[in-house]
Amino acid sequence: MAASIVETQVTWAAAASKTVAANTIQWSDAMPLTVLDDAYQLQVSADNAGTPASGDTCIVYIARSTGDILGDTGADFDTDEHGEFVMVLDTYAANTPGEDPARKTVPVDLTGCTAYKVGVVCGQASTRNIVVRARMGCQRPA
């Protein structure tokens, strides 16, 4: 049985990108998962809106939901400080690695989850905004 590759655009308030302008975590919309999908790969792009300087990084997290743990009829996700660290993207070219824009793809384990959110925080964003985009790819059985 052949599988196909499925790509899903991660959105922030239904937009395909998020301009991070403050040093606080910005969570994407809740992204539902499809049963039997497997081998998830998250790709994130961080594009500095100005001239990058030292410290211009984008830290990426993932928050998972396994449903309604609180019993209030809504999907409950890992809290801000307990989302799983995924990667750091450095947009300052003098660092290694460091480039603008910076893009990276990493595998993520979403086994048993019903949905996820991608969180990004950019430490220097109040000085130099960083535009973030993300896509999730996976294998889907035919």
C-alpha atoms as a PDB file:
ATOM      1  CA  MET A   1       0.000   0.000   0.000  1.00  0.00           C
ATOM      2  CA  ALA A   2       1.542   3.287  -1.106  1.00  0.00           C
ATOM      3  CA  ALA A   3       1.512   6.388   1.061  1.00  0.00           C
ATOM      4  CA  SER A   4       1.249  10.000   0.016  1.00  0.00           C
ATOM      5  CA  ILE A   5       2.867  13.079   1.494  1.00  0.00           C
ATOM      6  CA  VAL A   6       0.424  15.602   2.936  1.00  0.00           C
ATOM      7  CA  GLU A   7       1.429  19.184   3.785  1.00  0.00           C
ATOM      8  CA  THR A   8      -0.533  21.452   6.115  1.00  0.00           C
ATOM      9  CA  GLN A   9       0.082  25.190   6.495  1.00  0.00           C
ATOM     10  CA  VAL A  10       0.275  26.178  10.159  1.00  0.00           C
ATOM     11  CA  THR A  11      -1.787  29.323  10.714  1.00  0.00           C
ATOM     12  CA  TRP A  12      -1.936  32.141  13.253  1.00  0.00           C
ATOM     13  CA  ALA A  13      -5.433  33.669  13.412  1.00  0.00           C
ATOM     14  CA  ALA A  14      -6.038  32.031  10.013  1.00  0.00           C
ATOM     15  CA  ALA A  15      -2.989  33.799   8.475  1.00  0.00           C
ATOM     16  CA  ALA A  16      -0.118  31.849   6.853  1.00  0.00           C
ATOM     17  CA  SER A  17       2.521  33.826   8.788  1.00  0.00           C
ATOM     18  CA  LYS A  18       3.005  35.565  12.114  1.00  0.00           C
ATOM     19  CA  THR A  19       4.992  38.754  12.597  1.00  0.00           C
ATOM     20  CA  VAL A  20       6.451  38.354  16.067  1.00  0.00           C
ATOM     21  CA  ALA A  21       6.792  41.804  17.585  1.00  0.00           C
ATOM     22  CA  ALA A  22       7.153  41.050  21.291  1.00  0.00           C
ATOM     23  CA  ASN A  23       9.219  38.762  23.507  1.00  0.00           C
ATOM     24  CA  THR A  24       6.205  36.595  24.418  1.00  0.00           C
ATOM     25  CA  ILE A  25       5.253  33.210  23.032  1.00  0.00           C
ATOM     26  CA  GLN A  26       2.881  33.343  20.080  1.00  0.00           C
ATOM     27  CA  TRP A  27       0.816  30.147  19.601  1.00  0.00           C
ATOM     28  CA  SER A  28      -0.586  29.106  16.266  1.00  0.00           C
ATOM     29  CA  ASP A  29      -4.165  28.095  15.726  1.00  0.00           C
ATOM     30  CA  ALA A  30      -5.035  24.577  16.872  1.00  0.00           C
ATOM     31  CA  MET A  31      -4.113  22.187  14.067  1.00  0.00           C
ATOM     32  CA  PRO A  32      -6.150  18.937  14.020  1.00  0.00           C
ATOM     33  CA  LEU A  33      -4.556  15.595  13.188  1.00  0.00           C
ATOM     34  CA  THR A  34      -5.860  12.777  10.996  1.00  0.00           C
ATOM     35  CA  VAL A  35      -5.924   9.213  12.284  1.00  0.00           C
ATOM     36  CA  LEU A  36      -3.290   6.950  10.645  1.00  0.00           C
ATOM     37  CA  ASP A  37      -1.079   9.857   9.497  1.00  0.00           C
ATOM     38  CA  ASP A  38       2.526   9.248  10.515  1.00  0.00           C
ATOM     39  CA  ALA A  39       6.122  10.473  10.264  1.00  0.00           C
ATOM     40  CA  TYR A  40       5.442  14.150  10.979  1.00  0.00           C
ATOM     41  CA  GLN A  41       8.018  16.755   9.887  1.00  0.00           C
ATOM     42  CA  LEU A  42       7.769  20.393  10.988  1.00  0.00           C
ATOM     43  CA  GLN A  43       9.414  23.045   8.803  1.00  0.00           C
ATOM     44  CA  VAL A  44       9.760  26.574  10.194  1.00  0.00           C
ATOM     45  CA  SER A  45      11.012  29.722   8.461  1.00  0.00           C
ATOM     46  CA  ALA A  46      12.166  32.826  10.364  1.00  0.00           C
ATOM     47  CA  ASP A  47      12.757  35.980   8.314  1.00  0.00           C
ATOM     48  CA  ASN A  48      14.105  39.025  10.126  1.00  0.00           C
ATOM     49  CA  ALA A  49      12.174  42.133   9.089  1.00  0.00           C
ATOM     50  CA  GLY A  50      15.228  44.348   9.689  1.00  0.00           C
ATOM     51  CA  THR A  51      18.992  43.973   9.654  1.00  0.00           C
ATOM     52  CA  PRO A  52      19.683  41.037  11.975  1.00  0.00           C
ATOM     53  CA  ALA A  53      21.888  41.513  15.027  1.00  0.00           C
ATOM     54  CA  SER A  54      23.246  39.167  17.650  1.00  0.00           C
ATOM     55  CA  GLY A  55      20.402  37.623  19.649  1.00  0.00           C
ATOM     56  CA  ASP A  56      17.886  37.678  16.800  1.00  0.00           C
ATOM     57  CA  THR A  57      16.631  34.146  17.267  1.00  0.00           C
ATOM     58  CA  CYS A  58      13.312  32.393  16.956  1.00  0.00           C
ATOM     59  CA  ILE A  59      12.686  29.620  19.480  1.00  0.00           C
ATOM     60  CA  VAL A  60      10.070  27.083  18.397  1.00  0.00           C
ATOM     61  CA  TYR A  61       7.883  24.924  20.635  1.00  0.00           C
ATOM     62  CA  ILE A  62       5.071  22.448  20.088  1.00  0.00           C
ATOM     63  CA  ALA A  63       2.058  22.021  22.370  1.00  0.00           C
ATOM     64  CA  ARG A  64       0.047  18.832  22.073  1.00  0.00           C
ATOM     65  CA  SER A  65      -3.545  17.995  22.951  1.00  0.00           C
ATOM     66  CA  THR A  66      -4.949  14.576  23.689  1.00  0.00           C
ATOM     67  CA  GLY A  67      -8.452  15.972  24.103  1.00  0.00           C
ATOM     68  CA  ASP A  68     -10.420  17.512  26.959  1.00  0.00           C
ATOM     69  CA  ILE A  69      -8.443  16.790  30.156  1.00  0.00           C
ATOM     70  CA  LEU A  70     -10.301  19.544  32.071  1.00  0.00           C
ATOM     71  CA  GLY A  71     -13.749  18.195  31.159  1.00  0.00           C
ATOM     72  CA  ASP A  72     -15.003  21.548  29.883  1.00  0.00           C
ATOM     73  CA  THR A  73     -15.709  20.407  26.276  1.00  0.00           C
ATOM     74  CA  GLY A  74     -12.626  22.063  24.746  1.00  0.00           C
ATOM     75  CA  ALA A  75      -9.291  20.655  23.556  1.00  0.00           C
ATOM     76  CA  ASP A  76      -6.646  21.305  26.196  1.00  0.00           C
ATOM     77  CA  PHE A  77      -3.037  21.935  25.130  1.00  0.00           C
ATOM     78  CA  ASP A  78       0.272  21.891  26.976  1.00  0.00           C
ATOM     79  CA  THR A  79       0.683  25.189  28.813  1.00  0.00           C
ATOM     80  CA  ASP A  80       3.087  27.925  27.644  1.00  0.00           C
ATOM     81  CA  GLU A  81       6.042  26.900  29.790  1.00  0.00           C
ATOM     82  CA  HIS A  82       5.494  23.181  29.255  1.00  0.00           C
ATOM     83  CA  GLY A  83       5.302  22.999  25.476  1.00  0.00           C
ATOM     84  CA  GLU A  84       8.128  20.909  24.035  1.00  0.00           C
ATOM     85  CA  PHE A  85      11.196  22.751  22.742  1.00  0.00           C
ATOM     86  CA  VAL A  86      11.677  21.938  19.044  1.00  0.00           C
ATOM     87  CA  MET A  87      14.432  24.196  17.654  1.00  0.00           C
ATOM     88  CA  VAL A  88      16.179  27.578  17.578  1.00  0.00           C
ATOM     89  CA  LEU A  89      16.533  29.521  14.342  1.00  0.00           C
ATOM     90  CA  ASP A  90      19.265  32.204  14.409  1.00  0.00           C
ATOM     91  CA  THR A  91      18.909  34.988  11.834  1.00  0.00           C
ATOM     92  CA  TYR A  92      22.270  36.633  12.584  1.00  0.00           C
ATOM     93  CA  ALA A  93      24.672  35.613   9.783  1.00  0.00           C
ATOM     94  CA  ALA A  94      27.846  36.074  11.867  1.00  0.00           C
ATOM     95  CA  ASN A  95      26.747  33.123  14.037  1.00  0.00           C
ATOM     96  CA  THR A  96      27.095  29.500  12.979  1.00  0.00           C
ATOM     97  CA  PRO A  97      24.459  28.504  12.218  1.00  0.00           C
ATOM     98  CA  GLY A  98      22.972  31.856  11.408  1.00  0.00           C
ATOM     99  CA  GLU A  99      21.313  33.180   8.261  1.00  0.00           C
ATOM    100  CA  ASP A 100      18.384  35.350   7.249  1.00  0.00           C
ATOM    101  CA  PRO A 101      15.961  33.925   6.442  1.00  0.00           C
ATOM    102  CA  ALA A 102      16.593  30.760   8.449  1.00  0.00           C
ATOM    103  CA  ARG A 103      14.654  27.552   7.726  1.00  0.00           C
ATOM    104  CA  LYS A 104      14.821  24.158   9.375  1.00  0.00           C
ATOM    105  CA  THR A 105      12.861  20.896   9.221  1.00  0.00           C
ATOM    106  CA  VAL A 106      12.726  18.455  12.126  1.00  0.00           C
ATOM    107  CA  PRO A 107      10.741  15.308  12.885  1.00  0.00           C
ATOM    108  CA  VAL A 108       8.108  15.613  15.625  1.00  0.00           C
ATOM    109  CA  ASP A 109       6.275  12.827  17.386  1.00  0.00           C
ATOM    110  CA  LEU A 110       2.528  13.421  17.459  1.00  0.00           C
ATOM    111  CA  THR A 111       1.568   9.836  18.254  1.00  0.00           C
ATOM    112  CA  GLY A 112      -1.691   9.678  20.190  1.00  0.00           C
ATOM    113  CA  CYS A 113      -2.446  13.391  19.875  1.00  0.00           C
ATOM    114  CA  THR A 114      -5.668  14.867  18.547  1.00  0.00           C
ATOM    115  CA  ALA A 115      -4.227  18.304  17.721  1.00  0.00           C
ATOM    116  CA  TYR A 116      -1.152  20.514  18.151  1.00  0.00           C
ATOM    117  CA  LYS A 117      -0.099  24.155  18.194  1.00  0.00           C
ATOM    118  CA  VAL A 118       3.249  25.662  17.168  1.00  0.00           C
ATOM    119  CA  GLY A 119       4.631  28.308  19.494  1.00  0.00           C
ATOM    120  CA  VAL A 120       7.319  30.849  18.622  1.00  0.00           C
ATOM    121  CA  VAL A 121       9.147  33.400  20.729  1.00  0.00           C
ATOM    122  CA  CYS A 122      11.715  35.866  19.427  1.00  0.00           C
ATOM    123  CA  GLY A 123      13.803  37.539  22.123  1.00  0.00           C
ATOM    124  CA  GLN A 124      14.645  40.722  20.208  1.00  0.00           C
ATOM    125  CA  ALA A 125      11.304  41.025  18.390  1.00  0.00           C
ATOM    126  CA  SER A 126      10.371  44.311  20.049  1.00  0.00           C
ATOM    127  CA  THR A 127      13.406  45.846  18.280  1.00  0.00           C
ATOM    128  CA  ARG A 128      13.442  43.821  15.049  1.00  0.00           C
ATOM    129  CA  ASN A 129      10.317  41.869  14.115  1.00  0.00           C
ATOM    130  CA  ILE A 130      10.692  38.335  12.779  1.00  0.00           C
ATOM    131  CA  VAL A 131       8.177  36.904  10.330  1.00  0.00           C
ATOM    132  CA  VAL A 132       7.550  33.228  11.023  1.00  0.00           C
ATOM    133  CA  ARG A 133       5.931  30.603   8.798  1.00  0.00           C
ATOM    134  CA  ALA A 134       5.482  26.903   9.475  1.00  0.00           C
ATOM    135  CA  ARG A 135       4.284  23.788   7.634  1.00  0.00           C
ATOM    136  CA  MET A 136       3.671  20.288   8.894  1.00  0.00           C
ATOM    137  CA  GLY A 137       4.224  17.389   6.541  1.00  0.00           C
ATOM    138  CA  CYS A 138       3.310  13.769   7.138  1.00  0.00           C
ATOM    139  CA  GLN A 139       2.806  10.420   5.446  1.00  0.00           C
ATOM    140  CA  ARG A 140      -0.798   9.379   4.807  1.00  0.00           C
ATOM    141  CA  PRO A 141      -1.675   5.790   3.915  1.00  0.00           C
ATOM    142  CA  ALA A 142      -3.341   5.455   0.520  1.00  0.00           C
END
